[in-house]
Amino acid sequence: EGKFRSDLYYRLNVIPLDLPPLRDRPEDIELLARYFAEKFAARMRGQA
């Protein structure tokens, strides 16, 4: 669309990486929820 220089794009895109959206990794939702519950309980000095 002419909104980003092609030479800069190819200079940056030497090693392309991606991260899947959460909807594509449903098996991680429970792990993440428990991780956050532990994390915020530790901050509030309470039981998860």
All heavy atoms as atom14 arrays in JSON, in Angstrom:
{
  "sequence": "EGKFRSDLYYRLNVIPLDLPPLRDRPEDIELLARYFAEKFAARMRGQA",
  "atom14_mask": [
    [1, 1, 1, 1, 1, 1, 1, 1, 1, 0, 0, 0, 0, 0],
    [1, 1, 1, 1, 0, 0, 0, 0, 0, 0, 0, 0, 0, 0],
    [1, 1, 1, 1, 1, 1, 1, 1, 1, 0, 0, 0, 0, 0],
    [1, 1, 1, 1, 1, 1, 1, 1, 1, 1, 1, 0, 0, 0],
    [1, 1, 1, 1, 1, 1, 1, 1, 1, 1, 1, 0, 0, 0],
    [1, 1, 1, 1, 1, 1, 0, 0, 0, 0, 0, 0, 0, 0],
    [1, 1, 1, 1, 1, 1, 1, 1, 0, 0, 0, 0, 0, 0],
    [1, 1, 1, 1, 1, 1, 1, 1, 0, 0, 0, 0, 0, 0],
    [1, 1, 1, 1, 1, 1, 1, 1, 1, 1, 1, 1, 0, 0],
    [1, 1, 1, 1, 1, 1, 1, 1, 1, 1, 1, 1, 0, 0],
    [1, 1, 1, 1, 1, 1, 1, 1, 1, 1, 1, 0, 0, 0],
    [1, 1, 1, 1, 1, 1, 1, 1, 0, 0, 0, 0, 0, 0],
    [1, 1, 1, 1, 1, 1, 1, 1, 0, 0, 0, 0, 0, 0],
    [1, 1, 1, 1, 1, 1, 1, 0, 0, 0, 0, 0, 0, 0],
    [1, 1, 1, 1, 1, 1, 1, 1, 0, 0, 0, 0, 0, 0],
    [1, 1, 1, 1, 1, 1, 1, 0, 0, 0, 0, 0, 0, 0],
    [1, 1, 1, 1, 1, 1, 1, 1, 0, 0, 0, 0, 0, 0],
    [1, 1, 1, 1, 1, 1, 1, 1, 0, 0, 0, 0, 0, 0],
    [1, 1, 1, 1, 1, 1, 1, 1, 0, 0, 0, 0, 0, 0],
    [1, 1, 1, 1, 1, 1, 1, 0, 0, 0, 0, 0, 0, 0],
    [1, 1, 1, 1, 1, 1, 1, 0, 0, 0, 0, 0, 0, 0],
    [1, 1, 1, 1, 1, 1, 1, 1, 0, 0, 0, 0, 0, 0],
    [1, 1, 1, 1, 1, 1, 1, 1, 1, 1, 1, 0, 0, 0],
    [1, 1, 1, 1, 1, 1, 1, 1, 0, 0, 0, 0, 0, 0],
    [1, 1, 1, 1, 1, 1, 1, 1, 1, 1, 1, 0, 0, 0],
    [1, 1, 1, 1, 1, 1, 1, 0, 0, 0, 0, 0, 0, 0],
    [1, 1, 1, 1, 1, 1, 1, 1, 1, 0, 0, 0, 0, 0],
    [1, 1, 1, 1, 1, 1, 1, 1, 0, 0, 0, 0, 0, 0],
    [1, 1, 1, 1, 1, 1, 1, 1, 0, 0, 0, 0, 0, 0],
    [1, 1, 1, 1, 1, 1, 1, 1, 1, 0, 0, 0, 0, 0],
    [1, 1, 1, 1, 1, 1, 1, 1, 0, 0, 0, 0, 0, 0],
    [1, 1, 1, 1, 1, 1, 1, 1, 0, 0, 0, 0, 0, 0],
    [1, 1, 1, 1, 1, 0, 0, 0, 0, 0, 0, 0, 0, 0],
    [1, 1, 1, 1, 1, 1, 1, 1, 1, 1, 1, 0, 0, 0],
    [1, 1, 1, 1, 1, 1, 1, 1, 1, 1, 1, 1, 0, 0],
    [1, 1, 1, 1, 1, 1, 1, 1, 1, 1, 1, 0, 0, 0],
    [1, 1, 1, 1, 1, 0, 0, 0, 0, 0, 0, 0, 0, 0],
    [1, 1, 1, 1, 1, 1, 1, 1, 1, 0, 0, 0, 0, 0],
    [1, 1, 1, 1, 1, 1, 1, 1, 1, 0, 0, 0, 0, 0],
    [1, 1, 1, 1, 1, 1, 1, 1, 1, 1, 1, 0, 0, 0],
    [1, 1, 1, 1, 1, 0, 0, 0, 0, 0, 0, 0, 0, 0],
    [1, 1, 1, 1, 1, 0, 0, 0, 0, 0, 0, 0, 0, 0],
    [1, 1, 1, 1, 1, 1, 1, 1, 1, 1, 1, 0, 0, 0],
    [1, 1, 1, 1, 1, 1, 1, 1, 0, 0, 0, 0, 0, 0],
    [1, 1, 1, 1, 1, 1, 1, 1, 1, 1, 1, 0, 0, 0],
    [1, 1, 1, 1, 0, 0, 0, 0, 0, 0, 0, 0, 0, 0],
    [1, 1, 1, 1, 1, 1, 1, 1, 1, 0, 0, 0, 0, 0],
    [1, 1, 1, 1, 1, 0, 0, 0, 0, 0, 0, 0, 0, 0]
  ],
  "atom14_positions": [
    [[0.81, -1.22, 0.0], [0.0, 0.0, 0.0], [0.84, 1.26, 0.0], [0.31, 2.37, 0.01], [-0.92, 0.0, 1.21], [-1.95, -1.14, 1.21], [-2.64, -1.29, 2.55], [-2.36, -0.47, 3.46], [-3.43, -2.23, 2.71], [0.0, 0.0, 0.0], [0.0, 0.0, 0.0], [0.0, 0.0, 0.0], [0.0, 0.0, 0.0], [0.0, 0.0, 0.0]],
    [[2.17, 1.11, 0.01], [3.05, 2.28, 0.02], [3.15, 2.97, 1.36], [3.62, 4.1, 1.44], [0.0, 0.0, 0.0], [0.0, 0.0, 0.0], [0.0, 0.0, 0.0], [0.0, 0.0, 0.0], [0.0, 0.0, 0.0], [0.0, 0.0, 0.0], [0.0, 0.0, 0.0], [0.0, 0.0, 0.0], [0.0, 0.0, 0.0], [0.0, 0.0, 0.0]],
    [[2.77, 2.27, 2.43], [2.8, 2.87, 3.78], [4.04, 2.47, 4.57], [4.24, 2.94, 5.68], [1.54, 2.47, 4.54], [0.25, 2.98, 3.93], [-0.96, 2.52, 4.73], [-2.25, 3.03, 4.11], [-3.45, 2.53, 4.86], [0.0, 0.0, 0.0], [0.0, 0.0, 0.0], [0.0, 0.0, 0.0], [0.0, 0.0, 0.0], [0.0, 0.0, 0.0]],
    [[4.84, 1.55, 4.01], [6.06, 1.12, 4.69], [7.08, 0.77, 3.62], [6.75, 0.15, 2.6], [5.77, -0.11, 5.56], [6.8, -0.36, 6.64], [6.69, 0.29, 7.86], [7.86, -1.22, 6.43], [7.63, 0.07, 8.86], [8.81, -1.44, 7.41], [8.69, -0.79, 8.64], [0.0, 0.0, 0.0], [0.0, 0.0, 0.0], [0.0, 0.0, 0.0]],
    [[8.32, 1.19, 3.84], [9.36, 0.99, 2.83], [9.71, -0.49, 2.71], [9.93, -1.19, 3.71], [10.62, 1.78, 3.2], [10.48, 3.29, 3.05], [11.78, 3.96, 3.46], [12.89, 3.55, 2.62], [13.45, 4.3, 1.68], [12.96, 5.51, 1.45], [14.47, 3.87, 0.99], [0.0, 0.0, 0.0], [0.0, 0.0, 0.0], [0.0, 0.0, 0.0]],
    [[9.81, -0.96, 1.47], [10.12, -2.37, 1.24], [11.54, -2.71, 1.71], [11.77, -3.77, 2.28], [9.95, -2.73, -0.24], [10.81, -1.95, -1.06], [0.0, 0.0, 0.0], [0.0, 0.0, 0.0], [0.0, 0.0, 0.0], [0.0, 0.0, 0.0], [0.0, 0.0, 0.0], [0.0, 0.0, 0.0], [0.0, 0.0, 0.0], [0.0, 0.0, 0.0]],
    [[12.5, -1.79, 1.48], [13.88, -2.09, 1.88], [14.01, -2.19, 3.4], [14.76, -3.02, 3.92], [14.86, -1.06, 1.31], [14.42, 0.38, 1.51], [13.39, 0.61, 2.17], [15.1, 1.29, 0.99], [0.0, 0.0, 0.0], [0.0, 0.0, 0.0], [0.0, 0.0, 0.0], [0.0, 0.0, 0.0], [0.0, 0.0, 0.0], [0.0, 0.0, 0.0]],
    [[13.26, -1.35, 4.12], [13.29, -1.44, 5.58], [12.63, -2.73, 6.06], [13.11, -3.39, 6.99], [12.59, -0.23, 6.2], [12.49, -0.21, 7.73], [13.87, -0.31, 8.37], [11.76, 1.04, 8.21], [0.0, 0.0, 0.0], [0.0, 0.0, 0.0], [0.0, 0.0, 0.0], [0.0, 0.0, 0.0], [0.0, 0.0, 0.0], [0.0, 0.0, 0.0]],
    [[11.54, -3.1, 5.41], [10.84, -4.34, 5.77], [11.77, -5.54, 5.61], [11.89, -6.38, 6.52], [9.6, -4.51, 4.9], [8.93, -5.86, 5.04], [8.36, -6.26, 6.24], [8.89, -6.73, 3.95], [7.76, -7.51, 6.36], [8.29, -7.97, 4.05], [7.72, -8.36, 5.26], [7.14, -9.59, 5.38], [0.0, 0.0, 0.0], [0.0, 0.0, 0.0]],
    [[12.45, -5.63, 4.48], [13.33, -6.78, 4.25], [14.56, -6.74, 5.15], [15.11, -7.79, 5.52], [13.73, -6.86, 2.78], [12.56, -7.15, 1.87], [12.21, -6.27, 0.85], [11.78, -8.29, 2.06], [11.12, -6.54, 0.02], [10.69, -8.56, 1.25], [10.36, -7.68, 0.24], [9.28, -7.95, -0.55], [0.0, 0.0, 0.0], [0.0, 0.0, 0.0]],
    [[14.97, -5.53, 5.54], [16.11, -5.42, 6.48], [15.72, -5.91, 7.87], [16.53, -6.53, 8.57], [16.58, -3.96, 6.55], [17.8, -3.75, 7.44], [18.99, -4.5, 6.9], [20.15, -4.47, 7.78], [20.31, -5.23, 8.84], [19.37, -6.1, 9.17], [21.41, -5.17, 9.57], [0.0, 0.0, 0.0], [0.0, 0.0, 0.0], [0.0, 0.0, 0.0]],
    [[14.5, -5.65, 8.28], [14.03, -6.1, 9.59], [13.67, -7.58, 9.6], [13.87, -8.28, 10.6], [12.8, -5.28, 10.0], [13.01, -3.81, 10.34], [11.68, -3.1, 10.43], [13.77, -3.68, 11.66], [0.0, 0.0, 0.0], [0.0, 0.0, 0.0], [0.0, 0.0, 0.0], [0.0, 0.0, 0.0], [0.0, 0.0, 0.0], [0.0, 0.0, 0.0]],
    [[13.13, -8.06, 8.49], [12.53, -9.39, 8.44], [13.57, -10.47, 8.12], [13.35, -11.33, 7.27], [11.41, -9.41, 7.4], [10.51, -10.61, 7.55], [10.3, -11.1, 8.66], [9.95, -11.08, 6.45], [0.0, 0.0, 0.0], [0.0, 0.0, 0.0], [0.0, 0.0, 0.0], [0.0, 0.0, 0.0], [0.0, 0.0, 0.0], [0.0, 0.0, 0.0]],
    [[14.7, -10.42, 8.85], [15.74, -11.43, 8.62], [15.32, -12.75, 9.27], [15.35, -13.81, 8.64], [17.09, -10.95, 9.19], [18.18, -11.99, 8.91], [17.47, -9.6, 8.6], [0.0, 0.0, 0.0], [0.0, 0.0, 0.0], [0.0, 0.0, 0.0], [0.0, 0.0, 0.0], [0.0, 0.0, 0.0], [0.0, 0.0, 0.0], [0.0, 0.0, 0.0]],
    [[14.92, -12.68, 10.52], [14.36, -13.86, 11.2], [12.92, -13.52, 11.59], [12.69, -12.79, 12.57], [15.16, -14.27, 12.44], [16.58, -14.65, 12.07], [14.48, -15.44, 13.16], [17.44, -15.09, 13.24], [0.0, 0.0, 0.0], [0.0, 0.0, 0.0], [0.0, 0.0, 0.0], [0.0, 0.0, 0.0], [0.0, 0.0, 0.0], [0.0, 0.0, 0.0]],
    [[11.93, -13.97, 10.84], [10.54, -13.68, 11.2], [10.04, -14.65, 12.28], [10.33, -15.86, 12.23], [9.78, -13.9, 9.89], [10.62, -14.88, 9.12], [12.04, -14.67, 9.54], [0.0, 0.0, 0.0], [0.0, 0.0, 0.0], [0.0, 0.0, 0.0], [0.0, 0.0, 0.0], [0.0, 0.0, 0.0], [0.0, 0.0, 0.0], [0.0, 0.0, 0.0]],
    [[9.34, -14.11, 13.25], [8.73, -14.9, 14.31], [7.27, -14.51, 14.46], [6.88, -13.39, 14.12], [9.44, -14.68, 15.65], [10.9, -15.15, 15.79], [11.43, -14.73, 17.15], [11.01, -16.64, 15.6], [0.0, 0.0, 0.0], [0.0, 0.0, 0.0], [0.0, 0.0, 0.0], [0.0, 0.0, 0.0], [0.0, 0.0, 0.0], [0.0, 0.0, 0.0]],
    [[6.47, -15.43, 14.96], [5.09, -15.1, 15.26], [4.71, -15.7, 16.61], [5.44, -16.52, 17.16], [4.14, -15.58, 14.16], [4.01, -17.1, 14.14], [4.87, -17.79, 14.73], [3.06, -17.61, 13.53], [0.0, 0.0, 0.0], [0.0, 0.0, 0.0], [0.0, 0.0, 0.0], [0.0, 0.0, 0.0], [0.0, 0.0, 0.0], [0.0, 0.0, 0.0]],
    [[3.6, -15.25, 17.14], [3.01, -15.8, 18.36], [1.55, -16.09, 18.06], [0.83, -15.22, 17.55], [3.12, -14.82, 19.53], [4.47, -14.75, 20.24], [4.49, -13.6, 21.22], [4.77, -16.06, 20.97], [0.0, 0.0, 0.0], [0.0, 0.0, 0.0], [0.0, 0.0, 0.0], [0.0, 0.0, 0.0], [0.0, 0.0, 0.0], [0.0, 0.0, 0.0]],
    [[1.07, -17.29, 18.38], [-0.33, -17.61, 18.07], [-1.29, -16.86, 18.98], [-0.99, -16.63, 20.16], [-0.4, -19.12, 18.33], [0.68, -19.38, 19.33], [1.78, -18.41, 18.99], [0.0, 0.0, 0.0], [0.0, 0.0, 0.0], [0.0, 0.0, 0.0], [0.0, 0.0, 0.0], [0.0, 0.0, 0.0], [0.0, 0.0, 0.0], [0.0, 0.0, 0.0]],
    [[-2.44, -16.43, 18.46], [-3.45, -15.82, 19.33], [-3.99, -16.87, 20.3], [-3.89, -18.07, 20.06], [-4.53, -15.35, 18.34], [-4.35, -16.23, 17.14], [-2.88, -16.53, 17.06], [0.0, 0.0, 0.0], [0.0, 0.0, 0.0], [0.0, 0.0, 0.0], [0.0, 0.0, 0.0], [0.0, 0.0, 0.0], [0.0, 0.0, 0.0], [0.0, 0.0, 0.0]],
    [[-4.56, -16.42, 21.39], [-5.02, -17.33, 22.43], [-6.11, -18.27, 21.94], [-6.19, -19.42, 22.38], [-5.52, -16.52, 23.64], [-5.78, -17.31, 24.93], [-4.58, -18.14, 25.34], [-6.2, -16.36, 26.04], [0.0, 0.0, 0.0], [0.0, 0.0, 0.0], [0.0, 0.0, 0.0], [0.0, 0.0, 0.0], [0.0, 0.0, 0.0], [0.0, 0.0, 0.0]],
    [[-6.93, -17.81, 20.99], [-8.01, -18.67, 20.47], [-7.45, -19.89, 19.73], [-8.15, -20.89, 19.55], [-8.92, -17.87, 19.54], [-8.24, -17.3, 18.32], [-9.18, -16.47, 17.47], [-8.46, -15.82, 16.37], [-7.84, -14.65, 16.48], [-7.85, -14.01, 17.64], [-7.2, -14.12, 15.44], [0.0, 0.0, 0.0], [0.0, 0.0, 0.0], [0.0, 0.0, 0.0]],
    [[-6.18, -19.82, 19.29], [-5.57, -20.93, 18.59], [-4.75, -21.83, 19.51], [-4.09, -22.77, 19.04], [-4.66, -20.42, 17.46], [-5.46, -19.81, 16.31], [-6.68, -20.02, 16.27], [-4.85, -19.12, 15.47], [0.0, 0.0, 0.0], [0.0, 0.0, 0.0], [0.0, 0.0, 0.0], [0.0, 0.0, 0.0], [0.0, 0.0, 0.0], [0.0, 0.0, 0.0]],
    [[-4.77, -21.55, 20.8], [-4.06, -22.39, 21.76], [-4.94, -22.64, 22.99], [-4.57, -22.29, 24.11], [-2.73, -21.76, 22.15], [-2.74, -20.26, 22.33], [-1.37, -19.67, 22.59], [-0.86, -19.96, 23.89], [-0.18, -19.07, 24.65], [0.06, -17.86, 24.21], [0.26, -19.42, 25.83], [0.0, 0.0, 0.0], [0.0, 0.0, 0.0], [0.0, 0.0, 0.0]],
    [[-6.12, -23.24, 22.78], [-7.07, -23.43, 23.89], [-6.51, -24.29, 25.01], [-6.94, -24.16, 26.17], [-8.27, -24.1, 23.21], [-7.74, -24.71, 21.96], [-6.65, -23.79, 21.51], [0.0, 0.0, 0.0], [0.0, 0.0, 0.0], [0.0, 0.0, 0.0], [0.0, 0.0, 0.0], [0.0, 0.0, 0.0], [0.0, 0.0, 0.0], [0.0, 0.0, 0.0]],
    [[-5.55, -25.18, 24.69], [-4.98, -26.03, 25.72], [-4.17, -25.25, 26.74], [-3.83, -25.77, 27.81], [-4.11, -27.12, 25.09], [-2.92, -26.6, 24.28], [-3.24, -26.45, 22.81], [-4.13, -25.61, 22.5], [-2.63, -27.15, 21.98], [0.0, 0.0, 0.0], [0.0, 0.0, 0.0], [0.0, 0.0, 0.0], [0.0, 0.0, 0.0], [0.0, 0.0, 0.0]],
    [[-3.84, -23.97, 26.43], [-3.06, -23.15, 27.35], [-3.92, -22.28, 28.26], [-3.4, -21.66, 29.19], [-2.1, -22.24, 26.56], [-1.0, -23.02, 25.87], [-0.75, -24.17, 26.3], [-0.41, -22.49, 24.92], [0.0, 0.0, 0.0], [0.0, 0.0, 0.0], [0.0, 0.0, 0.0], [0.0, 0.0, 0.0], [0.0, 0.0, 0.0], [0.0, 0.0, 0.0]],
    [[-5.21, -22.19, 28.0], [-6.05, -21.26, 28.75], [-6.1, -21.61, 30.23], [-5.97, -20.74, 31.1], [-7.47, -21.2, 28.14], [-7.41, -20.51, 26.77], [-8.44, -20.48, 29.06], [-8.73, -20.47, 26.02], [0.0, 0.0, 0.0], [0.0, 0.0, 0.0], [0.0, 0.0, 0.0], [0.0, 0.0, 0.0], [0.0, 0.0, 0.0], [0.0, 0.0, 0.0]],
    [[-6.27, -22.9, 30.55], [-6.31, -23.29, 31.95], [-4.98, -23.02, 32.64], [-4.93, -22.51, 33.77], [-6.69, -24.76, 32.09], [-6.76, -25.22, 33.55], [-7.24, -26.66, 33.69], [-7.6, -27.28, 32.66], [-7.23, -27.16, 34.83], [0.0, 0.0, 0.0], [0.0, 0.0, 0.0], [0.0, 0.0, 0.0], [0.0, 0.0, 0.0], [0.0, 0.0, 0.0]],
    [[-3.87, -23.35, 31.97], [-2.55, -23.08, 32.54], [-2.37, -21.6, 32.83], [-1.88, -21.2, 33.89], [-1.46, -23.55, 31.57], [-1.22, -25.05, 31.45], [-0.24, -25.32, 30.31], [-0.7, -25.62, 32.74], [0.0, 0.0, 0.0], [0.0, 0.0, 0.0], [0.0, 0.0, 0.0], [0.0, 0.0, 0.0], [0.0, 0.0, 0.0], [0.0, 0.0, 0.0]],
    [[-2.75, -20.76, 31.87], [-2.61, -19.32, 32.05], [-3.49, -18.81, 33.18], [-3.07, -17.99, 34.0], [-2.97, -18.6, 30.74], [-1.91, -18.66, 29.64], [-2.53, -18.35, 28.29], [-0.77, -17.68, 29.95], [0.0, 0.0, 0.0], [0.0, 0.0, 0.0], [0.0, 0.0, 0.0], [0.0, 0.0, 0.0], [0.0, 0.0, 0.0], [0.0, 0.0, 0.0]],
    [[-4.73, -19.3, 33.26], [-5.64, -18.85, 34.31], [-5.08, -19.2, 35.69], [-5.12, -18.38, 36.62], [-7.02, -19.48, 34.11], [0.0, 0.0, 0.0], [0.0, 0.0, 0.0], [0.0, 0.0, 0.0], [0.0, 0.0, 0.0], [0.0, 0.0, 0.0], [0.0, 0.0, 0.0], [0.0, 0.0, 0.0], [0.0, 0.0, 0.0], [0.0, 0.0, 0.0]],
    [[-4.56, -20.4, 35.85], [-3.99, -20.8, 37.14], [-2.71, -20.01, 37.44], [-2.45, -19.65, 38.59], [-3.72, -22.3, 37.14], [-4.99, -23.14, 37.03], [-4.72, -24.61, 37.3], [-5.92, -25.41, 37.04], [-6.95, -25.51, 37.88], [-6.92, -24.87, 39.05], [-8.0, -26.24, 37.58], [0.0, 0.0, 0.0], [0.0, 0.0, 0.0], [0.0, 0.0, 0.0]],
    [[-1.93, -19.76, 36.39], [-0.73, -18.94, 36.57], [-1.08, -17.54, 37.08], [-0.49, -17.04, 38.05], [0.03, -18.84, 35.24], [1.08, -17.76, 35.22], [2.29, -17.92, 35.88], [0.85, -16.57, 34.54], [3.25, -16.93, 35.86], [1.81, -15.57, 34.51], [3.01, -15.76, 35.18], [3.95, -14.77, 35.16], [0.0, 0.0, 0.0], [0.0, 0.0, 0.0]],
    [[-2.07, -16.9, 36.45], [-2.48, -15.57, 36.88], [-3.08, -15.59, 38.28], [-2.86, -14.67, 39.08], [-3.47, -14.97, 35.88], [-2.84, -14.52, 34.59], [-3.31, -14.99, 33.37], [-1.77, -13.64, 34.59], [-2.73, -14.59, 32.17], [-1.17, -13.23, 33.4], [-1.66, -13.71, 32.19], [0.0, 0.0, 0.0], [0.0, 0.0, 0.0], [0.0, 0.0, 0.0]],
    [[-3.86, -16.64, 38.61], [-4.44, -16.74, 39.95], [-3.33, -16.81, 41.0], [-3.4, -16.15, 42.05], [-5.35, -17.96, 40.03], [0.0, 0.0, 0.0], [0.0, 0.0, 0.0], [0.0, 0.0, 0.0], [0.0, 0.0, 0.0], [0.0, 0.0, 0.0], [0.0, 0.0, 0.0], [0.0, 0.0, 0.0], [0.0, 0.0, 0.0], [0.0, 0.0, 0.0]],
    [[-2.3, -17.61, 40.73], [-1.16, -17.7, 41.66], [-0.42, -16.36, 41.76], [-0.04, -15.92, 42.84], [-0.19, -18.79, 41.16], [-0.72, -20.2, 41.24], [-0.58, -20.78, 42.63], [0.04, -20.13, 43.5], [-1.1, -21.89, 42.87], [0.0, 0.0, 0.0], [0.0, 0.0, 0.0], [0.0, 0.0, 0.0], [0.0, 0.0, 0.0], [0.0, 0.0, 0.0]],
    [[-0.23, -15.74, 40.62], [0.52, -14.48, 40.58], [-0.18, -13.38, 41.37], [0.44, -12.7, 42.2], [0.69, -14.05, 39.12], [1.36, -12.72, 38.9], [1.47, -12.42, 37.42], [2.08, -11.05, 37.17], [2.21, -10.77, 35.72], [0.0, 0.0, 0.0], [0.0, 0.0, 0.0], [0.0, 0.0, 0.0], [0.0, 0.0, 0.0], [0.0, 0.0, 0.0]],
    [[-1.49, -13.22, 41.15], [-2.2, -12.13, 41.83], [-2.43, -12.46, 43.31], [-2.46, -11.55, 44.14], [-3.51, -11.83, 41.11], [-3.31, -11.37, 39.69], [-4.03, -11.93, 38.64], [-2.38, -10.39, 39.4], [-3.82, -11.52, 37.34], [-2.16, -9.96, 38.09], [-2.88, -10.53, 37.07], [0.0, 0.0, 0.0], [0.0, 0.0, 0.0], [0.0, 0.0, 0.0]],
    [[-2.57, -13.74, 43.64], [-2.68, -14.11, 45.05], [-1.39, -13.78, 45.79], [-1.42, -13.3, 46.94], [-2.99, -15.6, 45.17], [0.0, 0.0, 0.0], [0.0, 0.0, 0.0], [0.0, 0.0, 0.0], [0.0, 0.0, 0.0], [0.0, 0.0, 0.0], [0.0, 0.0, 0.0], [0.0, 0.0, 0.0], [0.0, 0.0, 0.0], [0.0, 0.0, 0.0]],
    [[-0.24, -14.01, 45.14], [1.04, -13.68, 45.76], [1.17, -12.19, 45.99], [1.67, -11.74, 47.03], [2.19, -14.19, 44.88], [0.0, 0.0, 0.0], [0.0, 0.0, 0.0], [0.0, 0.0, 0.0], [0.0, 0.0, 0.0], [0.0, 0.0, 0.0], [0.0, 0.0, 0.0], [0.0, 0.0, 0.0], [0.0, 0.0, 0.0], [0.0, 0.0, 0.0]],
    [[0.69, -11.39, 45.04], [0.74, -9.94, 45.2], [-0.12, -9.47, 46.38], [0.25, -8.57, 47.12], [0.26, -9.24, 43.93], [1.27, -9.18, 42.84], [0.83, -8.2, 41.77], [1.6, -8.33, 40.56], [1.41, -7.58, 39.49], [0.46, -6.67, 39.48], [2.16, -7.74, 38.41], [0.0, 0.0, 0.0], [0.0, 0.0, 0.0], [0.0, 0.0, 0.0]],
    [[-1.28, -10.11, 46.52], [-2.22, -9.7, 47.56], [-2.02, -10.48, 48.86], [-2.78, -10.35, 49.79], [-3.66, -9.87, 47.06], [-3.99, -8.98, 45.88], [-5.72, -9.11, 45.33], [-5.68, -10.7, 44.48], [0.0, 0.0, 0.0], [0.0, 0.0, 0.0], [0.0, 0.0, 0.0], [0.0, 0.0, 0.0], [0.0, 0.0, 0.0], [0.0, 0.0, 0.0]],
    [[-0.94, -11.33, 48.87], [-0.6, -12.13, 50.05], [-1.79, -12.96, 50.54], [-2.1, -13.0, 51.72], [-0.09, -11.23, 51.17], [1.21, -10.53, 50.81], [1.64, -9.56, 51.89], [2.86, -8.9, 51.5], [2.91, -7.86, 50.68], [1.8, -7.39, 50.18], [4.05, -7.31, 50.35], [0.0, 0.0, 0.0], [0.0, 0.0, 0.0], [0.0, 0.0, 0.0]],
    [[-2.45, -13.57, 49.62], [-3.6, -14.41, 49.96], [-3.48, -15.78, 49.33], [-2.48, -16.1, 48.68], [0.0, 0.0, 0.0], [0.0, 0.0, 0.0], [0.0, 0.0, 0.0], [0.0, 0.0, 0.0], [0.0, 0.0, 0.0], [0.0, 0.0, 0.0], [0.0, 0.0, 0.0], [0.0, 0.0, 0.0], [0.0, 0.0, 0.0], [0.0, 0.0, 0.0]],
    [[-4.49, -16.59, 49.55], [-4.55, -17.92, 48.97], [-5.07, -17.83, 47.55], [-6.03, -17.11, 47.27], [-5.47, -18.82, 49.8], [-5.45, -20.28, 49.42], [-4.17, -20.98, 49.86], [-3.5, -20.53, 50.77], [-3.83, -22.06, 49.18], [0.0, 0.0, 0.0], [0.0, 0.0, 0.0], [0.0, 0.0, 0.0], [0.0, 0.0, 0.0], [0.0, 0.0, 0.0]],
    [[-4.44, -18.55, 46.63], [-4.9, -18.54, 45.24], [-6.31, -19.11, 45.15], [-6.64, -20.09, 45.84], [-3.94, -19.34, 44.36], [0.0, 0.0, 0.0], [0.0, 0.0, 0.0], [0.0, 0.0, 0.0], [0.0, 0.0, 0.0], [0.0, 0.0, 0.0], [0.0, 0.0, 0.0], [0.0, 0.0, 0.0], [0.0, 0.0, 0.0], [0.0, 0.0, 0.0]]
  ]
}
